[in-house]
Each structure stands twice: as C-alpha cells, then as structure tokens.
Amino acid sequence: MPSISIGYTGIAIIEPSFLDWIPSQGPASIIPALQKAIHAKKKISGFVAQHDYFWSDLGTPESYFKTHRRIIEEQWKPPFKLANKDLPWPTSIHPLARVASSARLEEMVVAGPHAFIDHHARVKNCILLARANISSHGEYEATILGENFNCNLAS
C-alpha cells in the first residue's frame, strides 16, 4: 500500500461525547484527545481531499488578510458549486455593499454585505466585513474593519 502524507487542518466535527476526552479546565489541544480516543478503539474518521484544495490559516488578522489577497490575485475558485449561484466568485465588492462614486479604492479592497464607503473616502488594501462603515473623507490603509472595530495591519 502506498504511503500518503496527511495533515490535520484544525477543522473538526465531533459528537458531544467526544468532549469527554478533552480536559474541562484550562486550555487544551484536540490532538491528545484524538490519540486517546484512537487508543481506546473509538471510531475516528477523516476526510482526505481528492482535489487541489485551497487551505489557508485564518487564525490571525494578518493571515486572514493574506488569504483574501491570495484568493483575489490568483482568482481562486472553489472546486464545488456555491450555494448562491448568482454571486460571482471571487467577489471583491459584495452586491449589497455600497460604494460612493467619489470614493477611491486602491489595490485590494474587499467589502462584505451592507458595508458602506462614503464620498471621497480613500481605502487601500482593506477588508470591510459586513456592515463596516467608512465615513466621508475617511482614509484607511491595510486595515480590517467591522461594524464596531478596526484592526490596522500596518506596522
């Protein structure tokens, strides 16, 4: 039998009873719990991707930003049908986002549903999550903005 290399992506769907294998106090990794369950001959299943799937760490604002940039630059498309077939992929500006005609969007700008970029705003290399709002004459660069927060990535 040929050997294959596999990796754990950190994505798991578990039965509630599996939580018994995870310590209830303090931080814990799922890996020791999986190992204990396997040694106890509990059924553990996995998914082996048969396609050239796109995996990306989204665990930090910086990696989240880099993933958006990669999707847009590579025009990456998922190897499966999207639930909303009418929404083009990738979509930098969601159809429900509003961008004033005088707003300046530079380089990579992603705007989620109901995001708003007002008149004369300048937005460069930013991700606007759902309902993010950039006021008139606002200027943002290398920032992830939400409805009630912003995370500046420039350092």
N, C-alpha and C. Protein backbone atom coordinates (compact mmCIF):
# COMPACT_ATOMS: atom_id res chain seq x y z
N MET A 1 0.86 -1.18 0.00
CA MET A 1 0.00 0.00 0.00
C MET A 1 0.90 1.24 0.00
N PRO A 2 0.64 2.19 -0.91
CA PRO A 2 1.46 3.41 -0.95
C PRO A 2 1.18 4.28 0.28
N SER A 3 2.22 4.97 0.73
CA SER A 3 2.01 5.87 1.86
C SER A 3 1.58 7.23 1.34
N ILE A 4 0.82 7.92 2.16
CA ILE A 4 0.38 9.27 1.82
C ILE A 4 0.68 10.18 3.00
N SER A 5 0.91 11.42 2.71
CA SER A 5 1.10 12.41 3.76
C SER A 5 -0.22 13.11 3.99
N ILE A 6 -0.62 13.20 5.23
CA ILE A 6 -1.86 13.91 5.55
C ILE A 6 -1.56 14.89 6.67
N GLY A 7 -2.40 15.86 6.79
CA GLY A 7 -2.25 16.84 7.85
C GLY A 7 -3.60 17.20 8.43
N TYR A 8 -3.58 17.55 9.69
CA TYR A 8 -4.80 17.99 10.36
C TYR A 8 -4.98 19.47 10.13
N THR A 9 -6.12 19.88 9.61
CA THR A 9 -6.37 21.28 9.27
C THR A 9 -6.92 22.09 10.43
N GLY A 10 -7.26 21.42 11.51
CA GLY A 10 -7.84 22.13 12.64
C GLY A 10 -9.35 22.25 12.54
N ILE A 11 -9.92 21.62 11.54
CA ILE A 11 -11.37 21.63 11.36
C ILE A 11 -11.91 20.30 11.84
N ALA A 12 -12.89 20.31 12.72
CA ALA A 12 -13.42 19.06 13.25
C ALA A 12 -14.92 19.14 13.44
N ILE A 13 -15.56 18.04 13.17
CA ILE A 13 -16.97 17.85 13.51
C ILE A 13 -16.97 16.70 14.50
N ILE A 14 -17.48 16.96 15.69
CA ILE A 14 -17.38 15.94 16.74
C ILE A 14 -18.75 15.63 17.33
N GLU A 15 -18.85 14.42 17.87
CA GLU A 15 -20.02 14.03 18.65
C GLU A 15 -19.88 14.67 20.03
N PRO A 16 -20.97 15.04 20.66
CA PRO A 16 -20.86 15.63 22.00
C PRO A 16 -20.08 14.74 22.98
N SER A 17 -20.17 13.43 22.83
CA SER A 17 -19.47 12.53 23.76
C SER A 17 -17.94 12.65 23.63
N PHE A 18 -17.46 13.16 22.49
CA PHE A 18 -16.02 13.32 22.32
C PHE A 18 -15.46 14.35 23.30
N LEU A 19 -16.30 15.28 23.74
CA LEU A 19 -15.85 16.31 24.69
C LEU A 19 -15.36 15.69 26.00
N ASP A 20 -15.79 14.45 26.29
CA ASP A 20 -15.32 13.75 27.49
C ASP A 20 -13.82 13.47 27.43
N TRP A 21 -13.24 13.46 26.25
CA TRP A 21 -11.82 13.18 26.08
C TRP A 21 -10.96 14.44 26.22
N ILE A 22 -11.61 15.59 26.33
CA ILE A 22 -10.89 16.87 26.41
C ILE A 22 -10.98 17.38 27.85
N PRO A 23 -9.84 17.78 28.45
CA PRO A 23 -9.88 18.30 29.82
C PRO A 23 -10.87 19.47 29.94
N SER A 24 -11.60 19.50 31.03
CA SER A 24 -12.62 20.54 31.20
C SER A 24 -12.05 21.85 31.73
N GLN A 25 -10.83 21.82 32.27
CA GLN A 25 -10.23 23.03 32.83
C GLN A 25 -9.01 23.44 32.01
N GLY A 26 -8.89 24.74 31.77
CA GLY A 26 -7.72 25.29 31.11
C GLY A 26 -7.68 25.01 29.62
N PRO A 27 -6.67 25.56 28.95
CA PRO A 27 -6.55 25.36 27.50
C PRO A 27 -6.16 23.91 27.21
N ALA A 28 -6.60 23.41 26.09
CA ALA A 28 -6.31 22.02 25.71
C ALA A 28 -6.27 21.90 24.20
N SER A 29 -5.47 20.98 23.74
CA SER A 29 -5.40 20.65 22.32
C SER A 29 -6.30 19.46 22.05
N ILE A 30 -6.86 19.43 20.86
CA ILE A 30 -7.70 18.30 20.47
C ILE A 30 -6.86 17.06 20.13
N ILE A 31 -5.59 17.25 19.80
CA ILE A 31 -4.74 16.14 19.35
C ILE A 31 -4.60 15.05 20.42
N PRO A 32 -4.23 15.36 21.67
CA PRO A 32 -4.16 14.29 22.67
C PRO A 32 -5.49 13.58 22.87
N ALA A 33 -6.59 14.32 22.77
CA ALA A 33 -7.91 13.71 22.91
C ALA A 33 -8.16 12.72 21.76
N LEU A 34 -7.78 13.12 20.55
CA LEU A 34 -7.91 12.20 19.41
C LEU A 34 -7.05 10.95 19.61
N GLN A 35 -5.83 11.14 20.08
CA GLN A 35 -4.94 10.00 20.30
C GLN A 35 -5.51 9.04 21.35
N LYS A 36 -6.04 9.58 22.45
CA LYS A 36 -6.65 8.74 23.49
C LYS A 36 -7.85 7.98 22.94
N ALA A 37 -8.69 8.66 22.17
CA ALA A 37 -9.87 8.01 21.60
C ALA A 37 -9.46 6.90 20.63
N ILE A 38 -8.43 7.13 19.83
CA ILE A 38 -7.95 6.11 18.89
C ILE A 38 -7.42 4.90 19.67
N HIS A 39 -6.62 5.14 20.71
CA HIS A 39 -6.09 4.04 21.52
C HIS A 39 -7.21 3.26 22.21
N ALA A 40 -8.30 3.93 22.50
CA ALA A 40 -9.46 3.27 23.12
C ALA A 40 -10.35 2.61 22.07
N LYS A 41 -9.89 2.60 20.83
CA LYS A 41 -10.60 1.97 19.70
C LYS A 41 -11.95 2.61 19.40
N LYS A 42 -12.05 3.93 19.68
CA LYS A 42 -13.24 4.68 19.29
C LYS A 42 -13.15 4.98 17.80
N LYS A 43 -14.28 5.12 17.15
CA LYS A 43 -14.30 5.39 15.72
C LYS A 43 -13.92 6.85 15.47
N ILE A 44 -12.86 7.04 14.71
CA ILE A 44 -12.41 8.37 14.30
C ILE A 44 -12.33 8.35 12.78
N SER A 45 -12.95 9.29 12.13
CA SER A 45 -12.94 9.35 10.67
C SER A 45 -12.28 10.65 10.23
N GLY A 46 -11.88 10.67 8.99
CA GLY A 46 -11.28 11.88 8.44
C GLY A 46 -11.70 12.05 7.00
N PHE A 47 -11.35 13.17 6.45
CA PHE A 47 -11.64 13.48 5.06
C PHE A 47 -10.32 13.70 4.35
N VAL A 48 -10.08 12.93 3.31
CA VAL A 48 -8.88 13.10 2.51
C VAL A 48 -9.28 13.83 1.24
N ALA A 49 -8.76 15.01 1.07
CA ALA A 49 -9.10 15.84 -0.10
C ALA A 49 -8.58 15.17 -1.36
N GLN A 50 -9.45 15.02 -2.34
CA GLN A 50 -9.07 14.40 -3.62
C GLN A 50 -8.74 15.44 -4.68
N HIS A 51 -8.87 16.69 -4.34
CA HIS A 51 -8.63 17.77 -5.29
C HIS A 51 -7.49 18.64 -4.77
N ASP A 52 -7.11 19.58 -5.55
CA ASP A 52 -6.11 20.54 -5.12
C ASP A 52 -6.83 21.63 -4.33
N TYR A 53 -7.20 21.31 -3.10
CA TYR A 53 -7.94 22.24 -2.28
C TYR A 53 -7.06 23.40 -1.84
N PHE A 54 -7.69 24.49 -1.54
CA PHE A 54 -7.03 25.71 -1.08
C PHE A 54 -7.17 25.73 0.44
N TRP A 55 -6.07 25.55 1.14
CA TRP A 55 -6.10 25.61 2.60
C TRP A 55 -5.31 26.83 3.02
N SER A 56 -5.82 27.53 3.99
CA SER A 56 -5.12 28.72 4.45
C SER A 56 -5.44 28.95 5.91
N ASP A 57 -4.44 29.34 6.66
CA ASP A 57 -4.62 29.68 8.06
C ASP A 57 -5.35 31.01 8.15
N LEU A 58 -6.42 31.04 8.93
CA LEU A 58 -7.17 32.28 9.14
C LEU A 58 -7.10 32.72 10.60
N GLY A 59 -6.10 32.21 11.32
CA GLY A 59 -6.04 32.39 12.76
C GLY A 59 -5.56 33.74 13.25
N THR A 60 -5.02 34.57 12.37
CA THR A 60 -4.59 35.90 12.79
C THR A 60 -5.13 36.91 11.78
N PRO A 61 -5.25 38.17 12.18
CA PRO A 61 -5.69 39.17 11.20
C PRO A 61 -4.78 39.22 9.97
N GLU A 62 -3.46 39.04 10.20
CA GLU A 62 -2.52 39.08 9.08
C GLU A 62 -2.75 37.93 8.10
N SER A 63 -2.97 36.72 8.63
CA SER A 63 -3.19 35.58 7.73
C SER A 63 -4.55 35.67 7.05
N TYR A 64 -5.55 36.22 7.73
CA TYR A 64 -6.87 36.43 7.14
C TYR A 64 -6.75 37.39 5.95
N PHE A 65 -5.99 38.46 6.15
CA PHE A 65 -5.76 39.45 5.10
C PHE A 65 -5.01 38.82 3.92
N LYS A 66 -3.94 38.08 4.20
CA LYS A 66 -3.16 37.43 3.14
C LYS A 66 -3.99 36.44 2.35
N THR A 67 -4.90 35.74 3.01
CA THR A 67 -5.76 34.79 2.31
C THR A 67 -6.69 35.51 1.34
N HIS A 68 -7.26 36.62 1.75
CA HIS A 68 -8.10 37.41 0.84
C HIS A 68 -7.30 37.86 -0.37
N ARG A 69 -6.11 38.36 -0.12
CA ARG A 69 -5.25 38.82 -1.22
C ARG A 69 -4.96 37.65 -2.17
N ARG A 70 -4.65 36.49 -1.62
CA ARG A 70 -4.34 35.33 -2.48
C ARG A 70 -5.54 34.91 -3.32
N ILE A 71 -6.72 34.87 -2.72
CA ILE A 71 -7.93 34.49 -3.46
C ILE A 71 -8.14 35.44 -4.64
N ILE A 72 -7.99 36.73 -4.38
CA ILE A 72 -8.23 37.72 -5.43
C ILE A 72 -7.13 37.68 -6.49
N GLU A 73 -5.88 37.66 -6.05
CA GLU A 73 -4.78 37.68 -7.02
C GLU A 73 -4.75 36.43 -7.90
N GLU A 74 -5.02 35.28 -7.31
CA GLU A 74 -4.98 34.03 -8.07
C GLU A 74 -6.33 33.71 -8.73
N GLN A 75 -7.34 34.54 -8.47
CA GLN A 75 -8.68 34.28 -8.97
C GLN A 75 -9.10 32.85 -8.63
N TRP A 76 -8.77 32.44 -7.39
CA TRP A 76 -9.08 31.09 -6.93
C TRP A 76 -10.58 30.88 -6.89
N LYS A 77 -11.01 29.73 -7.34
CA LYS A 77 -12.43 29.36 -7.30
C LYS A 77 -12.56 28.02 -6.61
N PRO A 78 -13.59 27.84 -5.79
CA PRO A 78 -13.76 26.55 -5.10
C PRO A 78 -14.10 25.45 -6.10
N PRO A 79 -13.67 24.20 -5.82
CA PRO A 79 -13.94 23.09 -6.74
C PRO A 79 -15.34 22.50 -6.55
N PHE A 80 -16.24 23.26 -5.97
CA PHE A 80 -17.60 22.80 -5.75
C PHE A 80 -18.55 23.94 -6.10
N LYS A 81 -19.82 23.62 -6.24
CA LYS A 81 -20.81 24.64 -6.58
C LYS A 81 -21.16 25.45 -5.33
N LEU A 82 -21.24 26.74 -5.52
CA LEU A 82 -21.62 27.63 -4.43
C LEU A 82 -23.13 27.57 -4.23
N ALA A 83 -23.57 27.73 -2.98
CA ALA A 83 -25.00 27.71 -2.69
C ALA A 83 -25.72 28.84 -3.44
N ASN A 84 -25.12 30.02 -3.49
CA ASN A 84 -25.71 31.15 -4.19
C ASN A 84 -25.05 31.23 -5.57
N LYS A 85 -25.64 30.58 -6.55
CA LYS A 85 -25.05 30.52 -7.89
C LYS A 85 -25.03 31.88 -8.58
N ASP A 86 -25.83 32.84 -8.10
CA ASP A 86 -25.89 34.15 -8.73
C ASP A 86 -24.75 35.07 -8.29
N LEU A 87 -24.06 34.71 -7.20
CA LEU A 87 -22.98 35.55 -6.69
C LEU A 87 -21.67 35.13 -7.35
N PRO A 88 -21.05 36.03 -8.12
CA PRO A 88 -19.79 35.66 -8.76
C PRO A 88 -18.69 35.43 -7.72
N TRP A 89 -17.72 34.61 -8.07
CA TRP A 89 -16.63 34.31 -7.16
C TRP A 89 -15.32 34.50 -7.88
N PRO A 90 -14.30 35.08 -7.34
CA PRO A 90 -14.39 35.83 -6.09
C PRO A 90 -15.06 37.17 -6.32
N THR A 91 -15.72 37.67 -5.33
CA THR A 91 -16.36 38.97 -5.40
C THR A 91 -15.67 39.88 -4.40
N SER A 92 -15.01 40.89 -4.91
CA SER A 92 -14.34 41.83 -4.00
C SER A 92 -15.35 42.74 -3.32
N ILE A 93 -16.30 43.24 -4.08
CA ILE A 93 -17.33 44.13 -3.54
C ILE A 93 -18.66 43.38 -3.60
N HIS A 94 -19.18 43.04 -2.46
CA HIS A 94 -20.44 42.29 -2.39
C HIS A 94 -21.56 43.12 -3.03
N PRO A 95 -22.50 42.47 -3.72
CA PRO A 95 -23.60 43.22 -4.36
C PRO A 95 -24.41 44.08 -3.38
N LEU A 96 -24.42 43.73 -2.11
CA LEU A 96 -25.18 44.53 -1.13
C LEU A 96 -24.33 45.60 -0.46
N ALA A 97 -23.06 45.70 -0.81
CA ALA A 97 -22.21 46.78 -0.30
C ALA A 97 -22.50 48.03 -1.11
N ARG A 98 -22.29 49.20 -0.52
CA ARG A 98 -22.49 50.46 -1.23
C ARG A 98 -21.19 51.25 -1.21
N VAL A 99 -20.79 51.68 -2.39
CA VAL A 99 -19.56 52.46 -2.53
C VAL A 99 -19.90 53.74 -3.28
N ALA A 100 -19.65 54.87 -2.66
CA ALA A 100 -19.93 56.16 -3.32
C ALA A 100 -19.04 56.29 -4.56
N SER A 101 -19.57 56.93 -5.57
CA SER A 101 -18.84 57.05 -6.84
C SER A 101 -17.55 57.86 -6.69
N SER A 102 -17.48 58.74 -5.69
CA SER A 102 -16.27 59.55 -5.50
C SER A 102 -15.27 58.89 -4.55
N ALA A 103 -15.59 57.71 -4.03
CA ALA A 103 -14.66 57.01 -3.15
C ALA A 103 -13.50 56.46 -3.98
N ARG A 104 -12.30 56.47 -3.39
CA ARG A 104 -11.11 55.94 -4.07
C ARG A 104 -10.76 54.59 -3.46
N LEU A 105 -10.85 53.54 -4.27
CA LEU A 105 -10.47 52.20 -3.84
C LEU A 105 -9.15 51.88 -4.52
N GLU A 106 -8.13 51.56 -3.73
CA GLU A 106 -6.80 51.32 -4.26
C GLU A 106 -6.33 49.92 -3.89
N GLU A 107 -5.68 49.30 -4.87
CA GLU A 107 -5.14 47.95 -4.73
C GLU A 107 -6.25 47.00 -4.30
N MET A 108 -6.06 46.24 -3.23
CA MET A 108 -7.07 45.25 -2.84
C MET A 108 -8.07 45.85 -1.86
N VAL A 109 -9.33 45.83 -2.23
CA VAL A 109 -10.40 46.25 -1.32
C VAL A 109 -11.48 45.18 -1.40
N VAL A 110 -11.85 44.66 -0.24
CA VAL A 110 -12.93 43.68 -0.14
C VAL A 110 -14.00 44.31 0.73
N ALA A 111 -15.24 44.28 0.27
CA ALA A 111 -16.35 44.85 1.05
C ALA A 111 -17.46 43.83 1.14
N GLY A 112 -17.81 43.46 2.35
CA GLY A 112 -18.87 42.47 2.60
C GLY A 112 -20.25 43.08 2.48
N PRO A 113 -21.28 42.26 2.71
CA PRO A 113 -22.65 42.75 2.58
C PRO A 113 -22.94 43.92 3.52
N HIS A 114 -23.60 44.91 2.99
CA HIS A 114 -24.04 46.10 3.73
C HIS A 114 -22.87 46.96 4.22
N ALA A 115 -21.66 46.71 3.73
CA ALA A 115 -20.55 47.62 4.03
C ALA A 115 -20.81 48.92 3.26
N PHE A 116 -20.31 50.03 3.78
CA PHE A 116 -20.57 51.32 3.14
C PHE A 116 -19.29 52.14 3.11
N ILE A 117 -18.94 52.65 1.93
CA ILE A 117 -17.80 53.54 1.77
C ILE A 117 -18.36 54.85 1.24
N ASP A 118 -18.28 55.90 2.04
CA ASP A 118 -18.92 57.18 1.73
C ASP A 118 -18.06 58.02 0.78
N HIS A 119 -18.60 59.16 0.41
CA HIS A 119 -17.98 60.08 -0.56
C HIS A 119 -16.57 60.49 -0.15
N HIS A 120 -15.68 60.51 -1.13
CA HIS A 120 -14.32 60.98 -1.00
C HIS A 120 -13.48 60.19 0.01
N ALA A 121 -13.95 59.03 0.39
CA ALA A 121 -13.14 58.18 1.26
C ALA A 121 -12.03 57.55 0.43
N ARG A 122 -10.91 57.28 1.07
CA ARG A 122 -9.79 56.60 0.40
C ARG A 122 -9.53 55.31 1.15
N VAL A 123 -9.62 54.20 0.42
CA VAL A 123 -9.48 52.88 1.03
C VAL A 123 -8.45 52.10 0.23
N LYS A 124 -7.38 51.69 0.90
CA LYS A 124 -6.30 50.98 0.21
C LYS A 124 -5.96 49.70 0.99
N ASN A 125 -6.00 48.58 0.29
CA ASN A 125 -5.65 47.29 0.90
C ASN A 125 -6.41 47.06 2.20
N CYS A 126 -7.73 47.07 2.09
CA CYS A 126 -8.58 46.89 3.27
C CYS A 126 -9.62 45.81 3.04
N ILE A 127 -10.06 45.22 4.15
CA ILE A 127 -11.17 44.29 4.14
C ILE A 127 -12.25 44.90 5.02
N LEU A 128 -13.42 45.11 4.44
CA LEU A 128 -14.57 45.62 5.18
C LEU A 128 -15.53 44.45 5.39
N LEU A 129 -15.72 44.07 6.62
CA LEU A 129 -16.64 42.99 6.94
C LEU A 129 -18.07 43.52 6.82
N ALA A 130 -19.03 42.65 7.00
CA ALA A 130 -20.43 43.04 6.90
C ALA A 130 -20.72 44.25 7.79
N ARG A 131 -21.39 45.22 7.23
CA ARG A 131 -21.84 46.44 7.92
C ARG A 131 -20.72 47.39 8.36
N ALA A 132 -19.52 47.19 7.86
CA ALA A 132 -18.45 48.15 8.15
C ALA A 132 -18.82 49.47 7.47
N ASN A 133 -18.41 50.57 8.07
CA ASN A 133 -18.81 51.88 7.57
C ASN A 133 -17.60 52.80 7.54
N ILE A 134 -17.30 53.33 6.37
CA ILE A 134 -16.24 54.32 6.24
C ILE A 134 -16.90 55.65 5.88
N SER A 135 -16.71 56.62 6.77
CA SER A 135 -17.40 57.90 6.60
C SER A 135 -16.75 58.74 5.50
N SER A 136 -17.44 59.79 5.13
CA SER A 136 -16.97 60.72 4.12
C SER A 136 -15.58 61.22 4.49
N HIS A 137 -14.68 61.21 3.50
CA HIS A 137 -13.30 61.65 3.65
C HIS A 137 -12.46 60.76 4.57
N GLY A 138 -13.00 59.63 5.00
CA GLY A 138 -12.23 58.69 5.82
C GLY A 138 -11.09 58.08 5.01
N GLU A 139 -9.99 57.79 5.66
CA GLU A 139 -8.84 57.18 4.99
C GLU A 139 -8.38 55.97 5.79
N TYR A 140 -8.28 54.84 5.10
CA TYR A 140 -7.82 53.61 5.73
C TYR A 140 -6.87 52.90 4.79
N GLU A 141 -5.83 52.31 5.38
CA GLU A 141 -4.90 51.51 4.61
C GLU A 141 -4.49 50.30 5.45
N ALA A 142 -4.43 49.13 4.79
CA ALA A 142 -4.00 47.89 5.45
C ALA A 142 -4.77 47.67 6.75
N THR A 143 -6.10 47.68 6.65
CA THR A 143 -6.96 47.56 7.83
C THR A 143 -8.10 46.60 7.55
N ILE A 144 -8.47 45.85 8.58
CA ILE A 144 -9.69 45.05 8.55
C ILE A 144 -10.69 45.80 9.40
N LEU A 145 -11.83 46.16 8.81
CA LEU A 145 -12.84 46.95 9.51
C LEU A 145 -14.11 46.13 9.68
N GLY A 146 -14.72 46.26 10.85
CA GLY A 146 -16.01 45.64 11.10
C GLY A 146 -17.01 46.69 11.50
N GLU A 147 -18.17 46.25 11.92
CA GLU A 147 -19.22 47.20 12.31
C GLU A 147 -18.79 48.06 13.50
N ASN A 148 -18.07 47.49 14.43
CA ASN A 148 -17.67 48.24 15.62
C ASN A 148 -16.19 48.14 15.95
N PHE A 149 -15.36 47.86 14.98
CA PHE A 149 -13.94 47.75 15.26
C PHE A 149 -13.12 47.96 14.00
N ASN A 150 -11.83 48.18 14.20
CA ASN A 150 -10.89 48.12 13.08
C ASN A 150 -9.58 47.58 13.60
N CYS A 151 -8.92 46.85 12.74
CA CYS A 151 -7.65 46.21 13.07
C CYS A 151 -6.64 46.65 12.02
N ASN A 152 -5.77 47.59 12.39
CA ASN A 152 -4.79 48.11 11.45
C ASN A 152 -3.62 47.15 11.38
N LEU A 153 -3.26 46.73 10.15
CA LEU A 153 -2.19 45.76 9.94
C LEU A 153 -0.87 46.40 9.59
N ALA A 154 -0.87 47.73 9.41
CA ALA A 154 0.38 48.42 9.05
C ALA A 154 1.26 48.54 10.29
N SER A 155 2.49 48.18 10.10
CA SER A 155 3.44 48.31 11.22
C SER A 155 4.76 48.79 10.70
